[in-house]
Protein backbone atom coordinates (compact mmCIF):
# COMPACT_ATOMS: atom_id res chain seq x y z
CA UNK A 1 -0.07 0.37 -0.43
CA UNK A 2 1.02 3.68 -0.83
CA UNK A 3 0.38 6.64 1.91
CA UNK A 4 0.35 10.20 -0.32
CA UNK A 5 3.11 11.94 1.74
CA UNK A 6 0.98 15.06 3.26
CA UNK A 7 3.91 17.59 2.97
CA UNK A 8 4.19 16.90 -0.96
CA UNK A 9 2.38 16.65 -4.34
CA UNK A 10 0.80 13.44 -5.94
CA UNK A 11 3.51 11.96 -6.67
CA UNK A 12 5.80 12.47 -3.68
CA UNK A 13 4.41 9.22 -1.47
CA UNK A 14 5.77 7.18 1.48
CA UNK A 15 6.29 3.93 0.80
CA UNK A 16 5.18 1.23 2.85
CA UNK A 17 5.44 -2.87 3.50
CA UNK A 18 3.56 -4.57 1.07
CA UNK A 19 3.10 -8.01 -0.36
CA UNK A 20 5.66 -9.15 -3.30
CA UNK A 21 1.88 -10.22 -4.69
CA UNK A 22 0.87 -6.89 -4.55
CA UNK A 23 4.06 -5.52 -6.07
CA UNK A 24 3.38 -7.16 -9.34
CA UNK A 25 -0.02 -6.44 -9.66
CA UNK A 26 0.81 -3.28 -9.10
CA UNK A 27 3.58 -3.19 -12.22
CA UNK A 28 0.99 -4.65 -14.32
CA UNK A 29 -1.99 -2.32 -13.61
CA UNK A 30 1.19 0.83 -13.78
CA UNK A 31 3.41 0.45 -16.90
CA UNK A 32 5.90 3.55 -14.95
CA UNK A 33 7.90 2.30 -12.11
CA UNK A 34 9.36 5.37 -9.78
CA UNK A 35 12.41 6.09 -9.05
CA UNK A 36 13.28 6.19 -5.12
CA UNK A 37 14.51 8.53 -2.65
CA UNK A 38 15.81 6.60 0.76
CA UNK A 39 16.34 8.79 3.85
CA UNK A 40 19.77 7.33 5.23
CA UNK A 41 19.70 10.11 8.41
CA UNK A 42 17.58 12.84 9.52
CA UNK A 43 14.29 12.79 11.12
CA UNK A 44 12.77 11.03 8.20
CA UNK A 45 15.60 8.10 8.62
CA UNK A 46 13.69 4.82 7.42
CA UNK A 47 10.94 6.73 4.58
CA UNK A 48 11.68 6.45 1.09
CA UNK A 49 9.77 8.87 -1.94
CA UNK A 50 8.70 7.94 -5.29
CA UNK A 51 9.72 9.98 -7.72
CA UNK A 52 7.62 9.68 -11.54
CA UNK A 53 7.39 10.82 -14.49
CA UNK A 54 4.33 9.76 -16.27
CA UNK A 55 5.45 10.53 -19.97
CA UNK A 56 7.67 12.54 -22.13
CA UNK A 57 7.56 15.70 -20.03
CA UNK A 58 9.53 16.45 -17.30
CA UNK A 59 8.25 16.03 -13.76
CA UNK A 60 10.25 17.93 -11.31
CA UNK A 61 10.41 17.89 -7.67
CA UNK A 62 11.49 21.35 -5.23
CA UNK A 63 13.01 19.88 -1.72
CA UNK A 64 12.20 22.23 1.29
CA UNK A 65 11.41 23.13 5.10
CA UNK A 66 8.13 25.17 2.93
CA UNK A 67 6.02 23.21 2.97
CA UNK A 68 3.02 24.83 0.47
CA UNK A 69 6.04 25.47 -2.60
CA UNK A 70 7.69 21.70 -1.65
CA UNK A 71 7.02 18.41 -3.20
CA UNK A 72 9.30 16.76 -0.47
CA UNK A 73 9.21 18.68 3.30
CA UNK A 74 12.37 18.35 4.97
CA UNK A 75 12.39 18.80 8.76
CA UNK A 76 15.69 20.51 9.34
CA UNK A 77 18.21 23.71 9.40
CA UNK A 78 17.29 23.56 5.33
CA UNK A 79 16.28 26.52 2.94
CA UNK A 80 13.00 26.57 1.69
CA UNK A 81 13.58 25.37 -1.42
CA UNK A 82 16.41 24.19 -1.29
CA UNK A 83 17.38 21.55 -3.92
CA UNK A 84 15.22 20.53 -7.30
CA UNK A 85 15.08 16.52 -8.33
CA UNK A 86 13.88 16.23 -12.36
CA UNK A 87 12.65 13.71 -13.74
CA UNK A 88 13.83 13.39 -17.41
CA UNK A 89 12.85 10.68 -20.36
CA UNK A 90 15.61 8.80 -19.87
CA UNK A 91 17.60 10.48 -16.81
CA UNK A 92 17.51 12.20 -13.06
CA UNK A 93 19.29 15.73 -12.22
CA UNK A 94 19.54 17.46 -9.50
CA UNK A 95 20.11 21.06 -8.44
CA UNK A 96 20.61 23.39 -5.94
CA UNK A 97 18.07 26.31 -5.41
CA UNK A 98 20.37 28.80 -4.15
CA UNK A 99 20.28 26.93 -1.24
CA UNK A 100 22.04 29.29 2.13
CA UNK A 101 23.95 26.35 3.40
CA UNK A 102 24.46 24.16 0.14
CA UNK A 103 23.60 20.54 -1.44
CA UNK A 104 26.21 17.66 -1.10
CA UNK A 105 25.92 15.40 -2.89
CA UNK A 106 28.84 12.36 -2.25
CA UNK A 107 30.67 14.31 0.05
CA UNK A 108 30.97 16.88 -2.54
CA UNK A 109 29.36 20.79 -2.74
CA UNK A 110 26.98 21.06 -5.78
CA UNK A 111 28.05 23.45 -7.46
CA UNK A 112 26.02 23.21 -10.97
CA UNK A 113 23.66 20.54 -11.98
CA UNK A 114 24.36 17.08 -12.22
CA UNK A 115 22.83 13.89 -13.13
CA UNK A 116 22.03 11.10 -10.39
CA UNK A 117 22.89 7.41 -10.27
CA UNK A 118 21.96 4.25 -8.30
CA UNK A 119 23.48 5.08 -4.66
CA UNK A 120 24.71 8.30 -5.11
CA UNK A 121 24.18 10.34 -1.42
CA UNK A 122 22.18 13.47 -1.78
CA UNK A 123 23.11 15.47 2.14
CA UNK A 124 20.26 18.34 3.52
CA UNK A 125 21.66 20.00 5.91
CA UNK A 126 21.32 17.19 8.31
CA UNK A 127 19.60 14.49 5.73
CA UNK A 128 20.74 12.62 3.83
CA UNK A 129 18.98 10.82 0.98
CA UNK A 130 19.71 7.74 -1.16
CA UNK A 131 19.24 7.33 -4.32
CA UNK A 132 18.02 4.29 -5.96
CA UNK A 133 17.36 4.58 -9.79
CA UNK A 134 13.77 2.85 -11.62
CA UNK A 135 16.38 0.14 -13.02
CA UNK A 136 13.19 -2.16 -14.38
CA UNK A 137 11.33 1.00 -15.56
CA UNK A 138 8.76 -1.07 -18.00
CA UNK A 139 8.39 1.42 -21.55
CA UNK A 140 7.01 4.25 -20.93
CA UNK A 141 3.96 4.12 -23.71
CA UNK A 142 0.59 3.66 -23.63
CA UNK A 143 -0.38 -0.07 -22.74
CA UNK A 144 -1.44 -1.27 -25.85
CA UNK A 145 -5.11 -1.74 -26.55
CA UNK A 146 -5.94 -5.43 -26.31
CA UNK A 147 -8.26 -5.49 -29.73
CA UNK A 148 -8.83 -7.42 -32.61
CA UNK A 149 -7.26 -6.29 -35.71
CA UNK A 150 -9.17 -5.31 -38.32
CA UNK A 151 -9.69 -7.14 -41.48
CA UNK A 152 -7.40 -6.39 -44.29
CA UNK A 153 -4.53 -5.78 -41.55
CA UNK A 154 -1.36 -7.91 -40.63
CA UNK A 155 -2.26 -10.02 -38.12
CA UNK A 156 1.51 -10.52 -36.29
CA UNK A 157 -0.04 -14.55 -35.35
CA UNK A 158 -0.69 -15.69 -38.85
CA UNK A 159 -1.31 -13.47 -41.92
CA UNK A 160 -4.32 -14.42 -43.62
CA UNK A 161 -6.20 -13.40 -46.68
CA UNK A 162 -4.11 -9.84 -47.14
CA UNK A 163 -3.92 -8.09 -50.81
CA UNK A 164 -0.11 -7.95 -52.29
CA UNK A 165 -0.96 -4.01 -52.38
CA UNK A 166 -1.37 -3.84 -48.85
CA UNK A 167 1.39 -6.37 -48.58
CA UNK A 168 3.74 -3.57 -50.24
CA UNK A 169 2.52 -1.22 -48.18
CA UNK A 170 3.01 -2.85 -45.24
CA UNK A 171 6.44 -3.48 -46.17
CA UNK A 172 7.02 -0.28 -46.98
CA UNK A 173 6.37 1.48 -44.30
CA UNK A 174 8.14 -1.58 -41.77
CA UNK A 175 11.28 -0.49 -43.76
CA UNK A 176 10.90 3.56 -43.43
CA UNK A 177 10.72 2.98 -40.11
CA UNK A 178 13.17 1.27 -39.52
CA UNK A 179 15.45 3.28 -41.61
CA UNK A 180 13.91 6.45 -39.39
CA UNK A 181 14.69 4.68 -35.88
CA UNK A 182 18.68 3.83 -37.18
CA UNK A 183 19.24 7.53 -38.40
CA UNK A 184 17.59 8.97 -34.88
CA UNK A 185 19.95 6.05 -33.47
CA UNK A 186 22.83 6.97 -34.62
CA UNK A 187 22.64 11.55 -34.50
CA UNK A 188 21.73 10.36 -30.75
CA UNK A 189 25.16 8.08 -30.67
CA UNK A 190 27.61 10.79 -32.62
CA UNK A 191 26.78 13.75 -30.14
CA UNK A 192 28.38 13.09 -26.73
CA UNK A 193 28.02 16.61 -25.61
CA UNK A 194 23.84 15.92 -24.79
CA UNK A 195 23.76 14.85 -21.32
CA UNK A 196 19.97 13.77 -22.29
CA UNK A 197 19.76 11.56 -24.82
CA UNK A 198 17.37 12.21 -27.52
CA UNK A 199 17.11 15.76 -25.31
CA UNK A 200 13.66 17.80 -27.33
CA UNK A 201 12.93 21.36 -27.61
CA UNK A 202 10.29 20.88 -24.24
CA UNK A 203 13.37 19.74 -21.78
CA UNK A 204 15.59 22.43 -23.56
CA UNK A 205 12.45 25.07 -23.05
CA UNK A 206 11.95 23.52 -19.42
CA UNK A 207 15.93 24.16 -18.71
CA UNK A 208 16.02 27.79 -20.13
CA UNK A 209 13.23 28.31 -17.32
CA UNK A 210 15.31 26.56 -14.82
CA UNK A 211 18.27 28.89 -15.39
CA UNK A 212 16.17 31.84 -15.46
CA UNK A 213 14.59 31.34 -11.60
CA UNK A 214 17.88 30.67 -10.76
CA UNK A 215 19.36 34.02 -12.07
CA UNK A 216 16.80 35.96 -11.03
CA UNK A 217 17.91 34.28 -7.62
CA UNK A 218 21.27 35.64 -8.59
CA UNK A 219 20.66 39.08 -8.98
CA UNK A 220 18.31 39.23 -6.00
CA UNK A 221 21.21 37.85 -3.58
CA UNK A 222 23.33 39.52 -5.83
CA UNK A 223 21.75 42.65 -5.01
CA UNK A 224 21.57 42.04 -0.89
CA UNK A 225 24.81 41.18 -0.51
CA UNK A 226 25.08 37.22 -0.47
CA UNK A 227 27.78 37.08 -2.56
CA UNK A 228 28.37 32.86 -1.67
CA UNK A 229 24.57 32.14 -2.56
CA UNK A 230 25.01 34.54 -5.54
CA UNK A 231 27.80 32.59 -6.90
CA UNK A 232 26.01 29.56 -6.36
CA UNK A 233 22.98 30.42 -8.67
CA UNK A 234 24.12 31.54 -10.91
CA UNK A 235 26.69 28.67 -11.66
CA UNK A 236 23.28 26.61 -11.87
CA UNK A 237 22.11 29.29 -14.42
CA UNK A 238 24.96 28.58 -16.37
CA UNK A 239 25.55 25.48 -16.96
CA UNK A 240 21.90 25.53 -17.40
CA UNK A 241 22.21 27.95 -20.27
CA UNK A 242 25.65 28.70 -21.37
CA UNK A 243 24.63 31.73 -23.37
CA UNK A 244 23.43 33.88 -19.77
CA UNK A 245 27.08 33.72 -18.85
CA UNK A 246 27.88 36.90 -22.18
CA UNK A 247 25.45 39.57 -20.06
CA UNK A 248 25.93 38.42 -16.58
CA UNK A 249 29.59 36.94 -16.45
CA UNK A 250 30.97 40.24 -15.17
CA UNK A 251 28.54 40.22 -12.14
CA UNK A 252 29.65 36.80 -11.78
CA UNK A 253 32.99 37.09 -11.46
CA UNK A 254 32.35 40.12 -8.80
CA UNK A 255 30.42 37.74 -6.93
CA UNK A 256 33.14 34.94 -6.15
CA UNK A 257 35.87 37.87 -5.78
CA UNK A 258 33.53 39.30 -3.10
CA UNK A 259 33.02 35.86 -2.09
CA UNK A 260 36.67 35.41 -2.15
CA UNK A 261 37.12 39.11 0.42
CA UNK A 262 34.43 37.45 2.58
CA UNK A 263 36.00 34.60 3.99
CA UNK A 264 39.80 36.21 3.54
CA UNK A 265 41.96 35.40 5.88
CA UNK A 266 39.68 33.09 8.41
CA UNK A 267 39.22 30.60 5.34
CA UNK A 268 42.12 30.65 2.99
CA UNK A 269 41.14 27.37 1.37
CA UNK A 270 37.49 28.88 0.56
CA UNK A 271 38.50 32.00 -0.16
CA UNK A 272 41.40 30.57 -2.78
CA UNK A 273 38.38 28.58 -4.56
CA UNK A 274 36.38 31.00 -5.22
CA UNK A 275 39.19 32.87 -6.94
CA UNK A 276 40.36 30.24 -8.98
CA UNK A 277 36.85 30.23 -10.25
CA UNK A 278 37.07 34.21 -11.12
CA UNK A 279 40.45 33.57 -12.42
CA UNK A 280 39.19 30.78 -15.41
CA UNK A 281 36.31 32.90 -16.10
CA UNK A 282 38.57 35.79 -17.07
CA UNK A 283 42.84 35.35 -16.49
CA UNK A 284 43.25 39.33 -17.62
CA UNK A 285 40.79 40.78 -14.18
CA UNK A 286 43.97 42.62 -12.62
CA UNK A 287 40.75 42.78 -9.37
CA UNK A 288 41.25 38.67 -9.42
CA UNK A 289 45.06 38.60 -9.63
CA UNK A 290 45.31 41.48 -7.19
CA UNK A 291 43.20 39.22 -4.41
CA UNK A 292 44.85 36.07 -5.54
CA UNK A 293 48.15 38.11 -4.49
CA UNK A 294 46.67 38.45 -0.96
CA UNK A 295 45.52 35.03 -0.53
CA UNK A 296 49.31 33.46 -1.42
CA UNK A 297 50.95 35.88 0.81
CA UNK A 298 49.02 35.10 3.74
CA UNK A 299 49.70 31.78 2.76
CA UNK A 300 53.22 32.94 2.01
CA UNK A 301 53.69 31.09 -1.32
CA UNK A 302 55.26 34.31 -1.61
CA UNK A 303 56.93 33.39 -5.21
CA UNK A 304 53.10 33.10 -6.89
CA UNK A 305 52.02 36.40 -4.56
CA UNK A 306 54.39 37.92 -6.91
CA UNK A 307 53.54 36.60 -9.71
CA UNK A 308 50.10 37.44 -8.93
CA UNK A 309 50.74 41.42 -8.42
CA UNK A 310 53.06 41.83 -11.18
CA UNK A 311 49.94 40.90 -14.09
CA UNK A 312 47.87 42.78 -11.81
CA UNK A 313 49.86 45.56 -12.07
CA UNK A 314 50.33 44.59 -16.51
CA UNK A 315 46.89 44.80 -16.37
CA UNK A 316 45.49 48.17 -14.75
CA UNK A 317 49.04 50.63 -13.49
CA UNK A 318 46.24 53.33 -11.71
CA UNK A 319 45.61 50.82 -8.85
CA UNK A 320 48.35 51.34 -6.49
CA UNK A 321 47.02 48.87 -3.70
CA UNK A 322 48.81 46.28 -6.12
CA UNK A 323 52.09 48.17 -5.96
CA UNK A 324 52.06 48.64 -2.37
CA UNK A 325 51.26 44.82 -1.44
CA UNK A 326 53.97 43.84 -4.12
CA UNK A 327 56.46 45.76 -2.46
CA UNK A 328 55.45 44.77 1.33
CA UNK A 329 56.21 40.79 -0.75
CA UNK A 330 59.30 42.50 -1.91
CA UNK A 331 60.20 43.70 1.64
CA UNK A 332 59.83 40.11 3.62
CA UNK A 333 62.15 38.56 1.07
CA UNK A 334 64.78 40.84 2.23
CA UNK A 335 64.72 42.39 -1.18
CA UNK A 336 64.72 46.35 0.20
CA UNK A 337 65.88 48.61 -2.62
CA UNK A 338 63.35 46.59 -5.05
CA UNK A 339 60.73 47.43 -2.68
CA UNK A 340 61.48 50.90 -2.18
CA UNK A 341 61.36 51.30 -6.29
CA UNK A 342 58.34 49.69 -5.84
CA UNK A 343 56.37 51.93 -3.05
CA UNK A 344 57.97 55.36 -4.72
CA UNK A 345 55.72 53.77 -8.36
CA UNK A 346 53.00 54.39 -6.03
CA UNK A 347 53.43 57.84 -5.46
CA UNK A 348 51.86 59.69 -8.77
CA UNK A 349 48.94 57.59 -8.18
CA UNK A 350 48.24 59.77 -4.76
CA UNK A 351 46.07 56.95 -2.94
CA UNK A 352 44.44 58.13 0.63
CA UNK A 353 47.33 56.23 2.75
CA UNK A 354 50.63 58.06 1.12
CA UNK A 355 51.56 58.58 4.35
CA UNK A 356 51.55 54.48 5.15
CA UNK A 357 54.20 54.61 1.22
CA UNK A 358 56.25 57.29 2.61
CA UNK A 359 56.54 55.38 5.94
CA UNK A 360 57.45 52.23 4.18
CA UNK A 361 59.70 53.56 1.89
CA UNK A 362 61.42 55.70 5.34
CA UNK A 363 61.74 51.34 7.53
CA UNK A 364 62.94 50.08 3.55
CA UNK A 365 66.34 52.75 3.90
CA UNK A 366 66.66 52.19 7.62
CA UNK A 367 67.40 48.47 6.37
CA UNK A 368 69.95 49.57 4.12
CA UNK A 369 71.36 51.76 6.94
CA UNK A 370 70.16 55.51 4.71
CA UNK A 371 70.06 57.60 7.90
CA UNK A 372 69.21 60.31 5.84
CA UNK A 373 66.82 58.81 2.91
CA UNK A 374 65.37 57.22 6.09
CA UNK A 375 64.82 60.40 7.90
CA UNK A 376 63.43 62.82 4.74
CA UNK A 377 60.82 60.40 4.20
CA UNK A 378 59.40 60.08 7.83
CA UNK A 379 58.57 63.68 7.37
CA UNK A 380 56.84 63.54 4.22
CA UNK A 381 54.88 60.86 6.01
CA UNK A 382 54.13 63.02 9.04
CA UNK A 383 53.11 65.71 6.92
CA UNK A 384 50.18 63.98 4.90
CA UNK A 385 49.79 62.49 8.64
CA UNK A 386 51.55 64.90 12.26
CA UNK A 387 50.25 61.54 14.53
CA UNK A 388 51.74 58.64 11.89
CA UNK A 389 53.25 57.62 14.87
CA UNK A 390 55.76 55.39 13.29
CA UNK A 391 57.11 58.41 11.72
CA UNK A 392 57.42 60.41 14.80
CA UNK A 393 59.53 57.21 16.36
CA UNK A 394 62.02 57.01 13.54
CA UNK A 395 61.91 60.85 14.05
CA UNK A 396 62.78 60.69 17.92
CA UNK A 397 65.28 57.64 17.15
CA UNK A 398 67.68 58.90 14.74
CA UNK A 399 67.08 62.91 15.07
CA UNK A 400 64.86 65.07 12.87
CA UNK A 401 61.83 67.33 12.96
CA UNK A 402 60.04 66.76 16.58
CA UNK A 403 56.45 66.87 16.01
CA UNK A 404 56.28 66.26 19.77
């Protein structure tokens, strides 16, 4: 017996124990064998949900917390509409709907639309589902009619009293159907780029609709400065409709860079992963190279940091932060003369932290024992910011203008 889950739609059902005779009878009654989602961990552990697709249309199932908008409701700390499972004619796909805490497929964060396979584990909050495909599915076609053939038609059980003309037409029809079938199958095999064999315009239309939905989520989250959610939704949209990337590429990169900055420096691995995604999209973006340099510097990978800063400067020689941080790396490597030179290149750009530029030049000269130049730049720092503590300390210690 089956009991409809009150929290789901018509096809979201909880499977209860039934006899083998009942199961056999059910398989004869319905030509569509359902896919199954079994709850392995969580508050509903042990329950199983059916996912069916009665025909050639796509069946979409929304999993989440909101009972009014979800087909399968998850009693857990998840988003209102967390993830979507789509049943196509030959395949099953899963995609995250821009959820706050994300979805994991076999332990890995789900960043784009993926096909589901037998035994896949789907983690949503603390709930873990296991997917079982309908491997023994009956053909997704209507049950043939049991009516007897009309006189004059071909009878499979024995041809009787048919005219040569009808036989010829029948043979021609069979040959045409065979040729068309072979042509169709050959076309399917020759196009490995399609995720779903026989993908038709209806599926493409559904994917475009889902892509637009994810794009709107991305834009809303981007405006709210929820950059992690925005970047995830952008990825879902682009995976369904790559053409959307053309007009929203820059917003996606900005979302990734802001996501990286939010995780810097407390979670450098996540910060680095985000900026590497941005670099793959546009390696000629100076902001991306600058952020790469910051992360590598924090990881003390100074050679990689240097290369990133140098590329950032080459791409935009009017951005003072790249010069400043590159000069810092040179100082860490005890290349003081090169660091001084790089700091001096910032002066014409007139950043609002010019006093810090001057004081770092002064410190560089102290490292090379050029006290006179060090005092000169300490005084310049003091002219920019009269309360600059390090400038006051240098002047007091080595003799010079005393602003105390």
